[in-house]
C-alpha atoms as a PDB file:
ATOM      1  CA  MET A   1      80.282 159.461  81.413  1.00  0.00           C
ATOM      2  CA  ARG A   2      77.617 162.153  81.492  1.00  0.00           C
ATOM      3  CA  ILE A   3      78.944 165.717  81.293  1.00  0.00           C
ATOM      4  CA  ASP A   4      77.435 169.046  82.251  1.00  0.00           C
ATOM      5  CA  ALA A   5      79.217 171.324  79.793  1.00  0.00           C
ATOM      6  CA  HIS A   6      78.192 174.642  81.315  1.00  0.00           C
ATOM      7  CA  HIS A   7      77.875 175.812  84.901  1.00  0.00           C
ATOM      8  CA  HIS A   8      79.189 178.585  87.138  1.00  0.00           C
ATOM      9  CA  LEU A   9      80.450 179.145  90.675  1.00  0.00           C
ATOM     10  CA  TRP A  10      80.794 182.335  92.685  1.00  0.00           C
ATOM     11  CA  ASP A  11      81.662 183.280  96.233  1.00  0.00           C
ATOM     12  CA  LEU A  12      80.211 186.594  97.391  1.00  0.00           C
ATOM     13  CA  SER A  13      82.666 186.697 100.275  1.00  0.00           C
ATOM     14  CA  VAL A  14      85.480 186.939  97.703  1.00  0.00           C
ATOM     15  CA  ARG A  15      83.881 189.533  95.406  1.00  0.00           C
ATOM     16  CA  ALA A  16      80.502 191.033  94.681  1.00  0.00           C
ATOM     17  CA  GLN A  17      78.550 190.024  91.604  1.00  0.00           C
ATOM     18  CA  ASP A  18      76.874 193.237  90.466  1.00  0.00           C
ATOM     19  CA  TRP A  19      74.695 191.429  87.948  1.00  0.00           C
ATOM     20  CA  LEU A  20      72.866 189.757  90.851  1.00  0.00           C
ATOM     21  CA  ALA A  21      71.303 193.060  91.960  1.00  0.00           C
ATOM     22  CA  GLY A  22      67.537 193.382  91.836  1.00  0.00           C
ATOM     23  CA  PRO A  23      64.678 191.468  93.465  1.00  0.00           C
ATOM     24  CA  GLU A  24      64.247 189.134  90.502  1.00  0.00           C
ATOM     25  CA  MET A  25      67.749 187.742  91.138  1.00  0.00           C
ATOM     26  CA  ALA A  26      67.097 187.001  94.821  1.00  0.00           C
ATOM     27  CA  PRO A  27      66.944 183.190  94.324  1.00  0.00           C
ATOM     28  CA  ILE A  28      70.602 183.108  93.264  1.00  0.00           C
ATOM     29  CA  ASN A  29      71.970 186.124  95.152  1.00  0.00           C
ATOM     30  CA  ARG A  30      74.163 183.996  97.405  1.00  0.00           C
ATOM     31  CA  SER A  31      77.400 182.071  97.133  1.00  0.00           C
ATOM     32  CA  PHE A  32      77.558 178.863  95.090  1.00  0.00           C
ATOM     33  CA  VAL A  33      80.768 176.928  95.704  1.00  0.00           C
ATOM     34  CA  LEU A  34      82.196 173.463  95.118  1.00  0.00           C
ATOM     35  CA  PRO A  35      80.241 171.626  97.854  1.00  0.00           C
ATOM     36  CA  ASP A  36      77.009 172.985  96.356  1.00  0.00           C
ATOM     37  CA  LEU A  37      78.040 171.701  92.927  1.00  0.00           C
ATOM     38  CA  HIS A  38      78.951 168.291  94.302  1.00  0.00           C
ATOM     39  CA  GLN A  39      75.597 168.057  96.031  1.00  0.00           C
ATOM     40  CA  VAL A  40      73.453 168.750  92.948  1.00  0.00           C
ATOM     41  CA  THR A  41      75.497 166.595  90.584  1.00  0.00           C
ATOM     42  CA  ALA A  42      75.782 163.613  92.937  1.00  0.00           C
ATOM     43  CA  VAL A  43      72.085 162.787  92.584  1.00  0.00           C
ATOM     44  CA  THR A  44      71.823 163.292  88.813  1.00  0.00           C
ATOM     45  CA  GLY A  45      74.490 160.958  87.461  1.00  0.00           C
ATOM     46  CA  ILE A  46      76.740 163.731  86.140  1.00  0.00           C
ATOM     47  CA  GLY A  47      80.337 162.505  86.102  1.00  0.00           C
ATOM     48  CA  ALA A  48      82.177 165.619  84.927  1.00  0.00           C
ATOM     49  CA  THR A  49      81.505 169.328  84.459  1.00  0.00           C
ATOM     50  CA  VAL A  50      82.831 172.376  82.652  1.00  0.00           C
ATOM     51  CA  LEU A  51      83.205 175.441  84.884  1.00  0.00           C
ATOM     52  CA  VAL A  52      82.571 178.604  82.860  1.00  0.00           C
ATOM     53  CA  GLN A  53      83.583 182.237  83.371  1.00  0.00           C
ATOM     54  CA  THR A  54      81.063 184.411  85.190  1.00  0.00           C
ATOM     55  CA  ILE A  55      82.434 187.975  85.252  1.00  0.00           C
ATOM     56  CA  THR A  56      85.112 189.882  83.365  1.00  0.00           C
ATOM     57  CA  VAL A  57      87.866 190.141  85.967  1.00  0.00           C
ATOM     58  CA  PRO A  58      91.300 188.561  85.474  1.00  0.00           C
ATOM     59  CA  GLU A  59      91.407 187.135  89.009  1.00  0.00           C
ATOM     60  CA  GLU A  60      88.491 184.753  88.427  1.00  0.00           C
ATOM     61  CA  THR A  61      90.180 182.394  85.967  1.00  0.00           C
ATOM     62  CA  PRO A  62      93.128 181.449  88.230  1.00  0.00           C
ATOM     63  CA  GLU A  63      90.633 180.879  91.038  1.00  0.00           C
ATOM     64  CA  PHE A  64      88.586 178.562  88.821  1.00  0.00           C
ATOM     65  CA  LEU A  65      91.714 176.617  87.895  1.00  0.00           C
ATOM     66  CA  VAL A  66      92.387 176.082  91.596  1.00  0.00           C
ATOM     67  CA  PHE A  67      88.796 174.864  91.993  1.00  0.00           C
ATOM     68  CA  ALA A  68      89.306 172.356  89.178  1.00  0.00           C
ATOM     69  CA  GLU A  69      92.505 171.116  90.795  1.00  0.00           C
ATOM     70  CA  ALA A  70      90.624 170.548  94.050  1.00  0.00           C
ATOM     71  CA  SER A  71      87.440 169.042  92.615  1.00  0.00           C
ATOM     72  CA  GLU A  72      86.711 165.477  91.584  1.00  0.00           C
ATOM     73  CA  ILE A  73      84.079 166.579  89.096  1.00  0.00           C
ATOM     74  CA  VAL A  74      85.256 169.835  87.433  1.00  0.00           C
ATOM     75  CA  ALA A  75      87.099 168.505  84.381  1.00  0.00           C
ATOM     76  CA  ALA A  76      87.581 171.697  82.349  1.00  0.00           C
ATOM     77  CA  VAL A  77      87.567 175.462  82.806  1.00  0.00           C
ATOM     78  CA  VAL A  78      86.470 178.143  80.348  1.00  0.00           C
ATOM     79  CA  GLY A  79      88.046 181.347  81.640  1.00  0.00           C
ATOM     80  CA  TRP A  80      88.320 184.973  80.638  1.00  0.00           C
ATOM     81  CA  THR A  81      91.016 187.275  79.384  1.00  0.00           C
ATOM     82  CA  ASP A  82      90.887 190.637  77.655  1.00  0.00           C
ATOM     83  CA  LEU A  83      90.976 189.671  73.985  1.00  0.00           C
ATOM     84  CA  THR A  84      91.763 193.245  72.963  1.00  0.00           C
ATOM     85  CA  ALA A  85      94.974 193.408  75.024  1.00  0.00           C
ATOM     86  CA  PRO A  86      98.272 193.189  73.125  1.00  0.00           C
ATOM     87  CA  ASP A  87      99.645 190.527  75.494  1.00  0.00           C
ATOM     88  CA  VAL A  88      96.948 187.861  75.084  1.00  0.00           C
ATOM     89  CA  PRO A  89      99.496 185.141  74.138  1.00  0.00           C
ATOM     90  CA  ASP A  90     101.555 185.831  77.251  1.00  0.00           C
ATOM     91  CA  THR A  91      98.487 185.902  79.498  1.00  0.00           C
ATOM     92  CA  LEU A  92      97.242 182.578  78.169  1.00  0.00           C
ATOM     93  CA  ALA A  93     100.688 181.009  78.523  1.00  0.00           C
ATOM     94  CA  ALA A  94     100.873 182.167  82.145  1.00  0.00           C
ATOM     95  CA  LEU A  95      97.440 180.732  82.905  1.00  0.00           C
ATOM     96  CA  LYS A  96      98.299 177.395  81.323  1.00  0.00           C
ATOM     97  CA  SER A  97     101.594 177.132  83.191  1.00  0.00           C
ATOM     98  CA  GLY A  98     100.183 178.261  86.541  1.00  0.00           C
ATOM     99  CA  HIS A  99      98.534 176.238  89.304  1.00  0.00           C
ATOM    100  CA  GLY A 100      95.766 174.143  87.809  1.00  0.00           C
ATOM    101  CA  GLY A 101      96.596 175.380  84.329  1.00  0.00           C
ATOM    102  CA  ARG A 102      96.121 171.920  82.849  1.00  0.00           C
ATOM    103  CA  TRP A 103      92.344 172.386  83.271  1.00  0.00           C
ATOM    104  CA  LEU A 104      92.112 175.517  81.110  1.00  0.00           C
ATOM    105  CA  ARG A 105      90.340 174.470  77.914  1.00  0.00           C
ATOM    106  CA  GLY A 106      88.657 177.626  76.666  1.00  0.00           C
ATOM    107  CA  ILE A 107      88.100 181.387  76.895  1.00  0.00           C
ATOM    108  CA  ARG A 108      84.854 183.374  76.962  1.00  0.00           C
ATOM    109  CA  HIS A 109      83.752 186.987  76.949  1.00  0.00           C
ATOM    110  CA  GLN A 110      80.263 188.412  77.534  1.00  0.00           C
ATOM    111  CA  VAL A 111      79.784 189.563  73.962  1.00  0.00           C
ATOM    112  CA  GLN A 112      76.079 189.866  74.803  1.00  0.00           C
ATOM    113  CA  SER A 113      76.916 192.964  76.878  1.00  0.00           C
ATOM    114  CA  GLU A 114      78.851 194.731  74.129  1.00  0.00           C
ATOM    115  CA  PRO A 115      76.851 197.597  72.579  1.00  0.00           C
ATOM    116  CA  ASP A 116      78.562 197.129  69.218  1.00  0.00           C
ATOM    117  CA  PRO A 117      76.737 194.265  67.431  1.00  0.00           C
ATOM    118  CA  ARG A 118      79.899 193.687  65.392  1.00  0.00           C
ATOM    119  CA  TRP A 119      82.296 193.588  68.343  1.00  0.00           C
ATOM    120  CA  LEU A 120      83.490 190.146  67.289  1.00  0.00           C
ATOM    121  CA  CYS A 121      84.601 191.581  63.949  1.00  0.00           C
ATOM    122  CA  ARG A 122      86.960 194.176  65.428  1.00  0.00           C
ATOM    123  CA  PRO A 123      90.603 193.635  64.362  1.00  0.00           C
ATOM    124  CA  ASP A 124      91.872 193.637  67.966  1.00  0.00           C
ATOM    125  CA  VAL A 125      89.260 191.060  68.994  1.00  0.00           C
ATOM    126  CA  ARG A 126      90.083 188.857  66.004  1.00  0.00           C
ATOM    127  CA  ARG A 127      93.771 189.122  66.924  1.00  0.00           C
ATOM    128  CA  GLY A 128      92.957 187.946  70.443  1.00  0.00           C
ATOM    129  CA  LEU A 129      90.845 185.081  69.133  1.00  0.00           C
ATOM    130  CA  ALA A 130      93.718 183.960  66.908  1.00  0.00           C
ATOM    131  CA  ALA A 131      95.909 183.860  70.015  1.00  0.00           C
ATOM    132  CA  VAL A 132      93.307 181.653  71.724  1.00  0.00           C
ATOM    133  CA  ALA A 133      93.544 179.218  68.817  1.00  0.00           C
ATOM    134  CA  GLU A 134      97.348 179.338  68.881  1.00  0.00           C
ATOM    135  CA  ALA A 135      97.236 178.415  72.574  1.00  0.00           C
ATOM    136  CA  GLY A 136      95.236 175.291  71.738  1.00  0.00           C
ATOM    137  CA  LEU A 137      92.081 176.540  73.435  1.00  0.00           C
ATOM    138  CA  SER A 138      88.478 176.864  72.286  1.00  0.00           C
ATOM    139  CA  TYR A 139      86.290 179.965  72.487  1.00  0.00           C
ATOM    140  CA  ASP A 140      82.785 180.094  73.947  1.00  0.00           C
ATOM    141  CA  LEU A 141      80.468 182.481  72.092  1.00  0.00           C
ATOM    142  CA  LEU A 142      78.023 184.251  74.416  1.00  0.00           C
ATOM    143  CA  THR A 143      75.856 186.201  71.982  1.00  0.00           C
ATOM    144  CA  LEU A 144      72.337 187.493  71.571  1.00  0.00           C
ATOM    145  CA  PRO A 145      70.353 186.756  68.395  1.00  0.00           C
ATOM    146  CA  HIS A 146      71.148 190.112  66.754  1.00  0.00           C
ATOM    147  CA  GLN A 147      74.883 189.381  67.163  1.00  0.00           C
ATOM    148  CA  LEU A 148      74.753 186.090  65.276  1.00  0.00           C
ATOM    149  CA  PRO A 149      75.644 187.584  61.854  1.00  0.00           C
ATOM    150  CA  ALA A 150      78.912 188.928  63.284  1.00  0.00           C
ATOM    151  CA  ALA A 151      79.517 185.541  64.901  1.00  0.00           C
ATOM    152  CA  VAL A 152      79.079 183.849  61.521  1.00  0.00           C
ATOM    153  CA  GLU A 153      81.643 186.165  59.935  1.00  0.00           C
ATOM    154  CA  THR A 154      84.111 185.632  62.753  1.00  0.00           C
ATOM    155  CA  VAL A 155      83.799 181.851  62.876  1.00  0.00           C
ATOM    156  CA  ARG A 156      84.296 181.755  59.107  1.00  0.00           C
ATOM    157  CA  ALA A 157      87.350 184.027  59.359  1.00  0.00           C
ATOM    158  CA  LEU A 158      89.052 181.841  61.974  1.00  0.00           C
ATOM    159  CA  PRO A 159      88.763 178.229  60.781  1.00  0.00           C
ATOM    160  CA  GLN A 160      91.660 177.236  63.043  1.00  0.00           C
ATOM    161  CA  LEU A 161      89.644 178.044  66.187  1.00  0.00           C
ATOM    162  CA  GLU A 162      86.993 175.789  67.735  1.00  0.00           C
ATOM    163  CA  PHE A 163      83.973 177.896  68.738  1.00  0.00           C
ATOM    164  CA  VAL A 164      81.240 176.834  71.160  1.00  0.00           C
ATOM    165  CA  LEU A 165      77.916 178.680  71.066  1.00  0.00           C
ATOM    166  CA  ASP A 166      76.525 179.168  74.569  1.00  0.00           C
ATOM    167  CA  HIS A 167      72.791 178.947  75.316  1.00  0.00           C
ATOM    168  CA  CYS A 168      71.873 178.587  71.634  1.00  0.00           C
ATOM    169  CA  SER A 169      72.500 182.359  71.369  1.00  0.00           C
ATOM    170  CA  LYS A 170      69.560 183.040  73.698  1.00  0.00           C
ATOM    171  CA  PRO A 171      66.548 182.671  71.380  1.00  0.00           C
ATOM    172  CA  PRO A 172      63.419 184.775  72.105  1.00  0.00           C
ATOM    173  CA  ILE A 173      61.452 181.920  73.684  1.00  0.00           C
ATOM    174  CA  ALA A 174      59.355 184.116  75.973  1.00  0.00           C
ATOM    175  CA  ALA A 175      58.157 186.045  72.912  1.00  0.00           C
ATOM    176  CA  GLY A 176      57.471 182.833  71.006  1.00  0.00           C
ATOM    177  CA  GLU A 177      59.537 183.964  68.004  1.00  0.00           C
ATOM    178  CA  LEU A 178      61.769 181.717  65.882  1.00  0.00           C
ATOM    179  CA  GLU A 179      62.971 184.084  63.162  1.00  0.00           C
ATOM    180  CA  PRO A 180      65.409 185.551  62.376  1.00  0.00           C
ATOM    181  CA  TRP A 181      67.178 183.608  65.154  1.00  0.00           C
ATOM    182  CA  ALA A 182      66.626 180.220  63.480  1.00  0.00           C
ATOM    183  CA  ALA A 183      67.946 181.306  60.082  1.00  0.00           C
ATOM    184  CA  ASP A 184      71.017 182.953  61.589  1.00  0.00           C
ATOM    185  CA  LEU A 185      71.678 179.924  63.790  1.00  0.00           C
ATOM    186  CA  ARG A 186      71.537 177.646  60.756  1.00  0.00           C
ATOM    187  CA  ALA A 187      74.048 179.894  58.986  1.00  0.00           C
ATOM    188  CA  LEU A 188      76.387 179.540  61.949  1.00  0.00           C
ATOM    189  CA  ALA A 189      75.868 175.785  62.146  1.00  0.00           C
ATOM    190  CA  ALA A 190      76.853 175.451  58.474  1.00  0.00           C
ATOM    191  CA  LEU A 191      80.425 176.215  59.529  1.00  0.00           C
ATOM    192  CA  PRO A 192      82.324 173.105  60.693  1.00  0.00           C
ATOM    193  CA  ASN A 193      84.366 174.714  63.486  1.00  0.00           C
ATOM    194  CA  VAL A 194      81.477 175.484  65.833  1.00  0.00           C
ATOM    195  CA  THR A 195      79.431 173.427  68.277  1.00  0.00           C
ATOM    196  CA  CYS A 196      76.425 174.451  70.367  1.00  0.00           C
ATOM    197  CA  LYS A 197      75.382 174.042  73.988  1.00  0.00           C
ATOM    198  CA  LEU A 198      71.823 172.951  74.629  1.00  0.00           C
ATOM    199  CA  SER A 199      71.682 175.201  77.654  1.00  0.00           C
ATOM    200  CA  GLY A 200      70.019 178.281  79.063  1.00  0.00           C
ATOM    201  CA  LEU A 201      66.637 177.686  77.438  1.00  0.00           C
ATOM    202  CA  VAL A 202      64.523 177.720  80.602  1.00  0.00           C
ATOM    203  CA  THR A 203      65.733 181.191  81.539  1.00  0.00           C
ATOM    204  CA  GLU A 204      64.951 182.544  78.066  1.00  0.00           C
ATOM    205  CA  ALA A 205      61.345 181.436  78.570  1.00  0.00           C
ATOM    206  CA  ASP A 206      58.898 182.737  81.145  1.00  0.00           C
ATOM    207  CA  TRP A 207      60.537 181.753  84.442  1.00  0.00           C
ATOM    208  CA  THR A 208      57.296 180.700  86.095  1.00  0.00           C
ATOM    209  CA  GLN A 209      55.111 179.524  83.200  1.00  0.00           C
ATOM    210  CA  TRP A 210      57.468 177.733  80.784  1.00  0.00           C
ATOM    211  CA  THR A 211      56.664 174.300  79.394  1.00  0.00           C
ATOM    212  CA  VAL A 212      58.674 171.688  77.553  1.00  0.00           C
ATOM    213  CA  ASP A 213      56.442 172.148  74.505  1.00  0.00           C
ATOM    214  CA  GLN A 214      57.465 175.822  74.361  1.00  0.00           C
ATOM    215  CA  LEU A 215      61.142 174.888  74.387  1.00  0.00           C
ATOM    216  CA  ARG A 216      60.947 172.024  71.891  1.00  0.00           C
ATOM    217  CA  PRO A 217      60.841 174.069  68.631  1.00  0.00           C
ATOM    218  CA  TYR A 218      64.067 175.837  69.608  1.00  0.00           C
ATOM    219  CA  ALA A 219      65.802 172.630  70.661  1.00  0.00           C
ATOM    220  CA  GLU A 220      64.772 170.980  67.398  1.00  0.00           C
ATOM    221  CA  VAL A 221      66.236 173.836  65.350  1.00  0.00           C
ATOM    222  CA  VAL A 222      69.524 173.409  67.229  1.00  0.00           C
ATOM    223  CA  LEU A 223      69.616 169.621  66.888  1.00  0.00           C
ATOM    224  CA  ASP A 224      68.680 169.748  63.210  1.00  0.00           C
ATOM    225  CA  ALA A 225      71.144 172.529  62.363  1.00  0.00           C
ATOM    226  CA  PHE A 226      74.185 171.234  64.226  1.00  0.00           C
ATOM    227  CA  GLY A 227      73.433 167.535  64.460  1.00  0.00           C
ATOM    228  CA  PRO A 228      73.685 165.769  67.844  1.00  0.00           C
ATOM    229  CA  GLU A 229      77.404 165.168  67.361  1.00  0.00           C
ATOM    230  CA  ARG A 230      77.937 168.951  67.600  1.00  0.00           C
ATOM    231  CA  VAL A 231      75.539 169.629  70.495  1.00  0.00           C
ATOM    232  CA  MET A 232      76.313 169.330  74.213  1.00  0.00           C
ATOM    233  CA  PHE A 233      74.132 169.570  77.299  1.00  0.00           C
ATOM    234  CA  GLY A 234      74.762 172.362  79.795  1.00  0.00           C
ATOM    235  CA  SER A 235      72.741 173.123  82.918  1.00  0.00           C
ATOM    236  CA  ASP A 236      73.725 176.790  83.314  1.00  0.00           C
ATOM    237  CA  TRP A 237      73.477 176.129  87.054  1.00  0.00           C
ATOM    238  CA  PRO A 238      73.035 178.065  89.277  1.00  0.00           C
ATOM    239  CA  VAL A 239      71.558 180.672  86.897  1.00  0.00           C
ATOM    240  CA  CYS A 240      68.974 178.060  85.883  1.00  0.00           C
ATOM    241  CA  LEU A 241      67.551 178.186  89.413  1.00  0.00           C
ATOM    242  CA  LEU A 242      65.702 181.332  88.387  1.00  0.00           C
ATOM    243  CA  ALA A 243      63.410 179.051  86.390  1.00  0.00           C
ATOM    244  CA  ALA A 244      64.034 175.444  87.468  1.00  0.00           C
ATOM    245  CA  PRO A 245      66.073 173.187  89.776  1.00  0.00           C
ATOM    246  CA  TYR A 246      69.160 171.433  88.433  1.00  0.00           C
ATOM    247  CA  ALA A 247      67.463 168.032  88.130  1.00  0.00           C
ATOM    248  CA  THR A 248      64.522 169.538  86.241  1.00  0.00           C
ATOM    249  CA  VAL A 249      66.847 171.203  83.727  1.00  0.00           C
ATOM    250  CA  LEU A 250      68.580 167.881  83.102  1.00  0.00           C
ATOM    251  CA  GLU A 251      65.278 166.007  82.833  1.00  0.00           C
ATOM    252  CA  THR A 252      63.969 168.640  80.423  1.00  0.00           C
ATOM    253  CA  ALA A 253      67.006 168.229  78.176  1.00  0.00           C
ATOM    254  CA  GLU A 254      66.397 164.480  78.179  1.00  0.00           C
ATOM    255  CA  VAL A 255      62.793 164.993  77.067  1.00  0.00           C
ATOM    256  CA  LEU A 256      63.883 167.458  74.371  1.00  0.00           C
ATOM    257  CA  THR A 257      66.261 164.813  72.975  1.00  0.00           C
ATOM    258  CA  ASP A 258      63.903 161.849  73.338  1.00  0.00           C
ATOM    259  CA  ARG A 259      63.636 161.434  69.551  1.00  0.00           C
ATOM    260  CA  LEU A 260      67.365 160.838  69.155  1.00  0.00           C
ATOM    261  CA  THR A 261      69.025 157.427  68.962  1.00  0.00           C
ATOM    262  CA  PRO A 262      70.981 156.179  71.991  1.00  0.00           C
ATOM    263  CA  SER A 263      74.294 157.032  70.329  1.00  0.00           C
ATOM    264  CA  GLU A 264      73.068 160.532  69.449  1.00  0.00           C
ATOM    265  CA  ARG A 265      71.947 161.144  73.026  1.00  0.00           C
ATOM    266  CA  ALA A 266      75.311 159.883  74.240  1.00  0.00           C
ATOM    267  CA  ALA A 267      76.945 162.599  72.141  1.00  0.00           C
ATOM    268  CA  VAL A 268      74.700 165.350  73.542  1.00  0.00           C
ATOM    269  CA  PHE A 269      75.127 164.239  77.150  1.00  0.00           C
ATOM    270  CA  GLY A 270      78.842 163.545  77.053  1.00  0.00           C
ATOM    271  CA  GLY A 271      80.640 162.751  73.832  1.00  0.00           C
ATOM    272  CA  THR A 272      80.590 166.196  72.249  1.00  0.00           C
ATOM    273  CA  ALA A 273      81.815 167.968  75.385  1.00  0.00           C
ATOM    274  CA  GLN A 274      84.417 165.281  75.945  1.00  0.00           C
ATOM    275  CA  ARG A 275      85.830 165.836  72.458  1.00  0.00           C
ATOM    276  CA  VAL A 276      85.666 169.635  72.380  1.00  0.00           C
ATOM    277  CA  TYR A 277      87.014 170.251  75.890  1.00  0.00           C
ATOM    278  CA  GLY A 278      89.456 167.330  75.973  1.00  0.00           C
ATOM    279  CA  ILE A 279      87.828 165.639  78.949  1.00  0.00           C
ATOM    280  CA  GLU A 280      89.255 162.242  79.814  1.00  0.00           C
ATOM    281  CA  GLN A 281      86.876 159.329  80.090  1.00  0.00           C
ATOM    282  CA  SER A 282      85.976 158.490  83.681  1.00  0.00           C
ATOM    283  CA  SER A 283      86.418 154.938  84.903  1.00  0.00           C
ATOM    284  CA  GLU A 284      83.089 155.199  86.693  1.00  0.00           C
ATOM    285  CA  VAL A 285      80.089 153.350  85.297  1.00  0.00           C
ATOM    286  CA  ALA A 286      77.749 155.712  83.472  1.00  0.00           C
ATOM    287  CA  GLN A 287      74.507 156.408  85.289  1.00  0.00           C
ATOM    288  CA  PRO A 288      71.140 155.641  83.676  1.00  0.00           C
ATOM    289  CA  LEU A 289      68.992 158.429  82.313  1.00  0.00           C
ATOM    290  CA  LEU A 290      66.664 159.961  84.859  1.00  0.00           C
ATOM    291  CA  ASP A 291      62.963 159.194  84.964  1.00  0.00           C
ATOM    292  CA  THR A 292      61.447 162.017  82.917  1.00  0.00           C
ATOM    293  CA  GLY A 293      57.908 161.589  84.118  1.00  0.00           C
ATOM    294  CA  ASP A 294      57.827 164.628  86.398  1.00  0.00           C
ATOM    295  CA  VAL A 295      59.323 167.307  84.180  1.00  0.00           C
ATOM    296  CA  HIS A 296      57.927 170.799  84.810  1.00  0.00           C
ATOM    297  CA  GLY A 297      55.460 171.714  82.053  1.00  0.00           C
END
């Protein structure tokens, strides 16, 4: 079973998405709902997906759990709750016991938007993260490169919690810089309770001029630091549409992992996400890898 470990959905008729403002966001400034997801995954051999939090409103997570209950492909939800609130344990318990609560597998917050680079080290945040672990959930880290040192400290301080680094912590691909991102990423990868999503790279590069060769050094740092058994593919659809179609993102990830063994690729494209997010094995026959001959760049 091939798994897309990171995608989003939003319905602009339900609520506005302020982050979509601006002409550069026009390609994705519309609703993306379950039928759209089913359409793009049906032709790429993806058998299961992880639906990830988009905005920091409490109403979104219950909605996503309903989506998972209604979908044949959404197999896990990473939602949001205010980690600094004193009632985090109660909130998580209510989500897990509510409609579709069986699909809640993780929590995420847009740490990248926090002005304090050490937000993850705050006592109230750490208290909330401990509650996430106590609830049997994982935590997706959405950080920028300068926030990685605080992420290292926090992951080390909470060995009982499984962390998942989103988008490789958004390396400066467009600028062509590896350091200090690479060194800080390796420090994070040295800790056993964290995995990494091979996702979001195309939108960290130049949206119109990126090439696979530009992405490869960053992917190789990730694969070398974490090992394939702690890396999982994510499309970041529909955000990826700013730089590439869904199929191209998947094909690009296949090219970036072409030096791995078959078992290592199986981990990146399914096994790691299956283990971390508790996704049950599908009875469907796995689809073959796509022809990678027409990858952009």
